[in-house]
């Protein structure tokens, strides 16, 4: 992996972390309002988990490159 690819992966991780934080804030705001849309909450939480998985995969790519 060259430096350009590593920068792109790090930029993608930063974007995903930002989206993850935004979803966290949205979930907190929605849960404060009663009643809230349970389906919307479930979708946001599912998306948040998917983002967490993507971040983990990208970080693994960076770690594998460092070890090699």
N, C-alpha and C. Protein backbone atom coordinates (compact mmCIF):
# COMPACT_ATOMS: atom_id res chain seq x y z
N UNK A 1 0.86 -1.18 0.00
CA UNK A 1 0.00 0.00 0.00
C UNK A 1 0.90 1.24 0.00
N UNK A 2 0.61 2.13 -0.90
CA UNK A 2 1.41 3.35 -0.96
C UNK A 2 0.80 4.44 -0.07
N UNK A 3 1.53 5.55 0.02
CA UNK A 3 1.09 6.63 0.91
C UNK A 3 -0.26 7.21 0.50
N UNK A 4 -0.50 7.29 -0.79
CA UNK A 4 -1.77 7.85 -1.29
C UNK A 4 -2.94 6.98 -0.83
N UNK A 5 -2.80 5.67 -0.95
CA UNK A 5 -3.86 4.76 -0.53
C UNK A 5 -4.08 4.86 0.98
N UNK A 6 -2.99 4.96 1.72
CA UNK A 6 -3.10 5.09 3.17
C UNK A 6 -3.83 6.39 3.55
N UNK A 7 -3.51 7.48 2.87
CA UNK A 7 -4.19 8.76 3.13
C UNK A 7 -5.68 8.64 2.81
N UNK A 8 -6.00 7.96 1.71
CA UNK A 8 -7.41 7.79 1.34
C UNK A 8 -8.16 6.97 2.38
N UNK A 9 -7.52 5.92 2.88
CA UNK A 9 -8.15 5.09 3.91
C UNK A 9 -8.36 5.90 5.18
N UNK A 10 -7.34 6.66 5.57
CA UNK A 10 -7.46 7.49 6.78
C UNK A 10 -8.56 8.55 6.62
N UNK A 11 -8.67 9.13 5.42
CA UNK A 11 -9.72 10.11 5.17
C UNK A 11 -11.10 9.46 5.25
N UNK A 12 -11.20 8.25 4.74
CA UNK A 12 -12.48 7.52 4.80
C UNK A 12 -12.83 7.20 6.25
N UNK A 13 -11.83 6.80 7.04
CA UNK A 13 -12.06 6.52 8.46
C UNK A 13 -12.55 7.78 9.17
N UNK A 14 -11.91 8.92 8.88
CA UNK A 14 -12.34 10.18 9.50
C UNK A 14 -13.78 10.52 9.14
N UNK A 15 -14.15 10.32 7.87
CA UNK A 15 -15.52 10.60 7.43
C UNK A 15 -16.51 9.67 8.13
N UNK A 16 -16.14 8.41 8.26
CA UNK A 16 -17.02 7.45 8.93
C UNK A 16 -17.15 7.76 10.42
N UNK A 17 -16.06 8.16 11.05
CA UNK A 17 -16.13 8.54 12.47
C UNK A 17 -17.06 9.73 12.67
N UNK A 18 -16.99 10.68 11.76
CA UNK A 18 -17.87 11.84 11.84
C UNK A 18 -19.33 11.43 11.68
N UNK A 19 -19.60 10.56 10.71
CA UNK A 19 -20.97 10.08 10.51
C UNK A 19 -21.44 9.29 11.73
N UNK A 20 -20.56 8.51 12.33
CA UNK A 20 -20.90 7.73 13.52
C UNK A 20 -21.28 8.66 14.68
N UNK A 21 -20.50 9.73 14.87
CA UNK A 21 -20.81 10.71 15.92
C UNK A 21 -22.15 11.40 15.65
N UNK A 22 -22.38 11.76 14.38
CA UNK A 22 -23.63 12.41 14.02
C UNK A 22 -24.83 11.50 14.32
N UNK A 23 -24.69 10.23 13.97
CA UNK A 23 -25.77 9.29 14.25
C UNK A 23 -26.00 9.14 15.75
N UNK A 24 -24.93 9.13 16.50
CA UNK A 24 -25.03 9.05 17.95
C UNK A 24 -25.83 10.23 18.49
N UNK A 25 -25.52 11.42 17.99
CA UNK A 25 -26.26 12.62 18.41
C UNK A 25 -27.73 12.54 18.01
N UNK A 26 -27.98 12.09 16.78
CA UNK A 26 -29.36 11.98 16.30
C UNK A 26 -30.15 10.97 17.14
N UNK A 27 -29.53 9.85 17.46
CA UNK A 27 -30.20 8.84 18.28
C UNK A 27 -30.54 9.42 19.65
N UNK A 28 -29.62 10.15 20.22
CA UNK A 28 -29.87 10.77 21.54
C UNK A 28 -31.03 11.75 21.45
N UNK A 29 -31.05 12.58 20.41
CA UNK A 29 -32.13 13.57 20.27
C UNK A 29 -33.48 12.90 20.05
N UNK A 30 -33.51 11.89 19.20
CA UNK A 30 -34.77 11.20 18.91
C UNK A 30 -35.29 10.49 20.15
N UNK A 31 -34.40 9.88 20.92
CA UNK A 31 -34.84 9.13 22.10
C UNK A 31 -35.36 10.05 23.21
N UNK A 32 -34.96 11.33 23.18
CA UNK A 32 -35.46 12.28 24.17
C UNK A 32 -36.91 12.66 23.93
N UNK A 33 -37.31 12.60 22.67
CA UNK A 33 -38.70 12.96 22.33
C UNK A 33 -39.59 11.74 22.47
N UNK A 34 -40.68 11.92 23.17
CA UNK A 34 -41.62 10.81 23.31
C UNK A 34 -42.92 11.21 22.64
N UNK A 35 -43.57 10.38 21.95
CA UNK A 35 -43.09 9.08 21.48
C UNK A 35 -42.15 9.26 20.29
N UNK A 36 -41.28 8.30 20.10
CA UNK A 36 -40.36 8.37 18.97
C UNK A 36 -40.59 7.17 18.05
N UNK A 37 -40.17 7.33 16.82
CA UNK A 37 -40.35 6.31 15.80
C UNK A 37 -39.35 5.17 16.05
N UNK A 38 -39.87 4.05 16.50
CA UNK A 38 -39.01 2.90 16.83
C UNK A 38 -38.28 2.39 15.59
N UNK A 39 -38.95 2.39 14.45
CA UNK A 39 -38.33 1.91 13.21
C UNK A 39 -37.16 2.81 12.81
N UNK A 40 -37.37 4.12 12.92
CA UNK A 40 -36.29 5.06 12.60
C UNK A 40 -35.10 4.85 13.54
N UNK A 41 -35.39 4.66 14.81
CA UNK A 41 -34.33 4.42 15.80
C UNK A 41 -33.56 3.14 15.46
N UNK A 42 -34.27 2.10 15.12
CA UNK A 42 -33.65 0.83 14.78
C UNK A 42 -32.75 0.97 13.54
N UNK A 43 -33.22 1.70 12.55
CA UNK A 43 -32.42 1.91 11.33
C UNK A 43 -31.15 2.70 11.63
N UNK A 44 -31.26 3.72 12.46
CA UNK A 44 -30.08 4.51 12.81
C UNK A 44 -29.06 3.67 13.57
N UNK A 45 -29.54 2.85 14.49
CA UNK A 45 -28.62 2.00 15.26
C UNK A 45 -27.96 0.96 14.36
N UNK A 46 -28.72 0.43 13.42
CA UNK A 46 -28.17 -0.55 12.49
C UNK A 46 -27.10 0.10 11.61
N UNK A 47 -27.37 1.31 11.14
CA UNK A 47 -26.40 2.04 10.33
C UNK A 47 -25.14 2.34 11.14
N UNK A 48 -25.33 2.70 12.39
CA UNK A 48 -24.20 3.00 13.28
C UNK A 48 -23.30 1.77 13.45
N UNK A 49 -23.91 0.60 13.61
CA UNK A 49 -23.13 -0.63 13.73
C UNK A 49 -22.40 -0.95 12.43
N UNK A 50 -23.04 -0.72 11.30
CA UNK A 50 -22.40 -0.97 10.01
C UNK A 50 -21.19 -0.05 9.82
N UNK A 51 -21.33 1.19 10.25
CA UNK A 51 -20.21 2.14 10.16
C UNK A 51 -19.07 1.67 11.05
N UNK A 52 -19.39 1.21 12.25
CA UNK A 52 -18.37 0.72 13.16
C UNK A 52 -17.60 -0.45 12.53
N UNK A 53 -18.32 -1.35 11.86
CA UNK A 53 -17.68 -2.47 11.18
C UNK A 53 -16.77 -2.00 10.05
N UNK A 54 -17.24 -1.02 9.28
CA UNK A 54 -16.42 -0.48 8.19
C UNK A 54 -15.13 0.14 8.73
N UNK A 55 -15.25 0.88 9.82
CA UNK A 55 -14.08 1.50 10.44
C UNK A 55 -13.09 0.42 10.87
N UNK A 56 -13.59 -0.62 11.50
CA UNK A 56 -12.72 -1.71 11.97
C UNK A 56 -12.00 -2.36 10.79
N UNK A 57 -12.71 -2.60 9.68
CA UNK A 57 -12.08 -3.20 8.50
C UNK A 57 -10.99 -2.31 7.94
N UNK A 58 -11.27 -1.02 7.84
CA UNK A 58 -10.28 -0.09 7.30
C UNK A 58 -9.06 0.01 8.22
N UNK A 59 -9.30 0.04 9.52
CA UNK A 59 -8.18 0.10 10.46
C UNK A 59 -7.33 -1.16 10.37
N UNK A 60 -7.97 -2.31 10.16
CA UNK A 60 -7.24 -3.56 9.99
C UNK A 60 -6.34 -3.50 8.76
N UNK A 61 -6.84 -2.89 7.70
CA UNK A 61 -6.03 -2.74 6.49
C UNK A 61 -4.76 -1.95 6.79
N UNK A 62 -4.89 -0.91 7.59
CA UNK A 62 -3.73 -0.09 7.93
C UNK A 62 -2.77 -0.86 8.83
N UNK A 63 -3.30 -1.59 9.79
CA UNK A 63 -2.46 -2.35 10.71
C UNK A 63 -1.70 -3.44 9.96
N UNK A 64 -2.38 -4.16 9.08
CA UNK A 64 -1.74 -5.22 8.30
C UNK A 64 -0.57 -4.67 7.50
N UNK A 65 -0.72 -3.46 6.97
CA UNK A 65 0.33 -2.86 6.18
C UNK A 65 1.54 -2.50 7.06
N UNK A 66 1.29 -2.07 8.26
CA UNK A 66 2.37 -1.68 9.18
C UNK A 66 3.18 -2.92 9.57
N UNK A 67 2.49 -4.03 9.86
CA UNK A 67 3.16 -5.26 10.27
C UNK A 67 3.99 -5.84 9.14
N UNK A 68 3.47 -5.77 7.93
CA UNK A 68 4.19 -6.34 6.78
C UNK A 68 5.40 -5.53 6.53
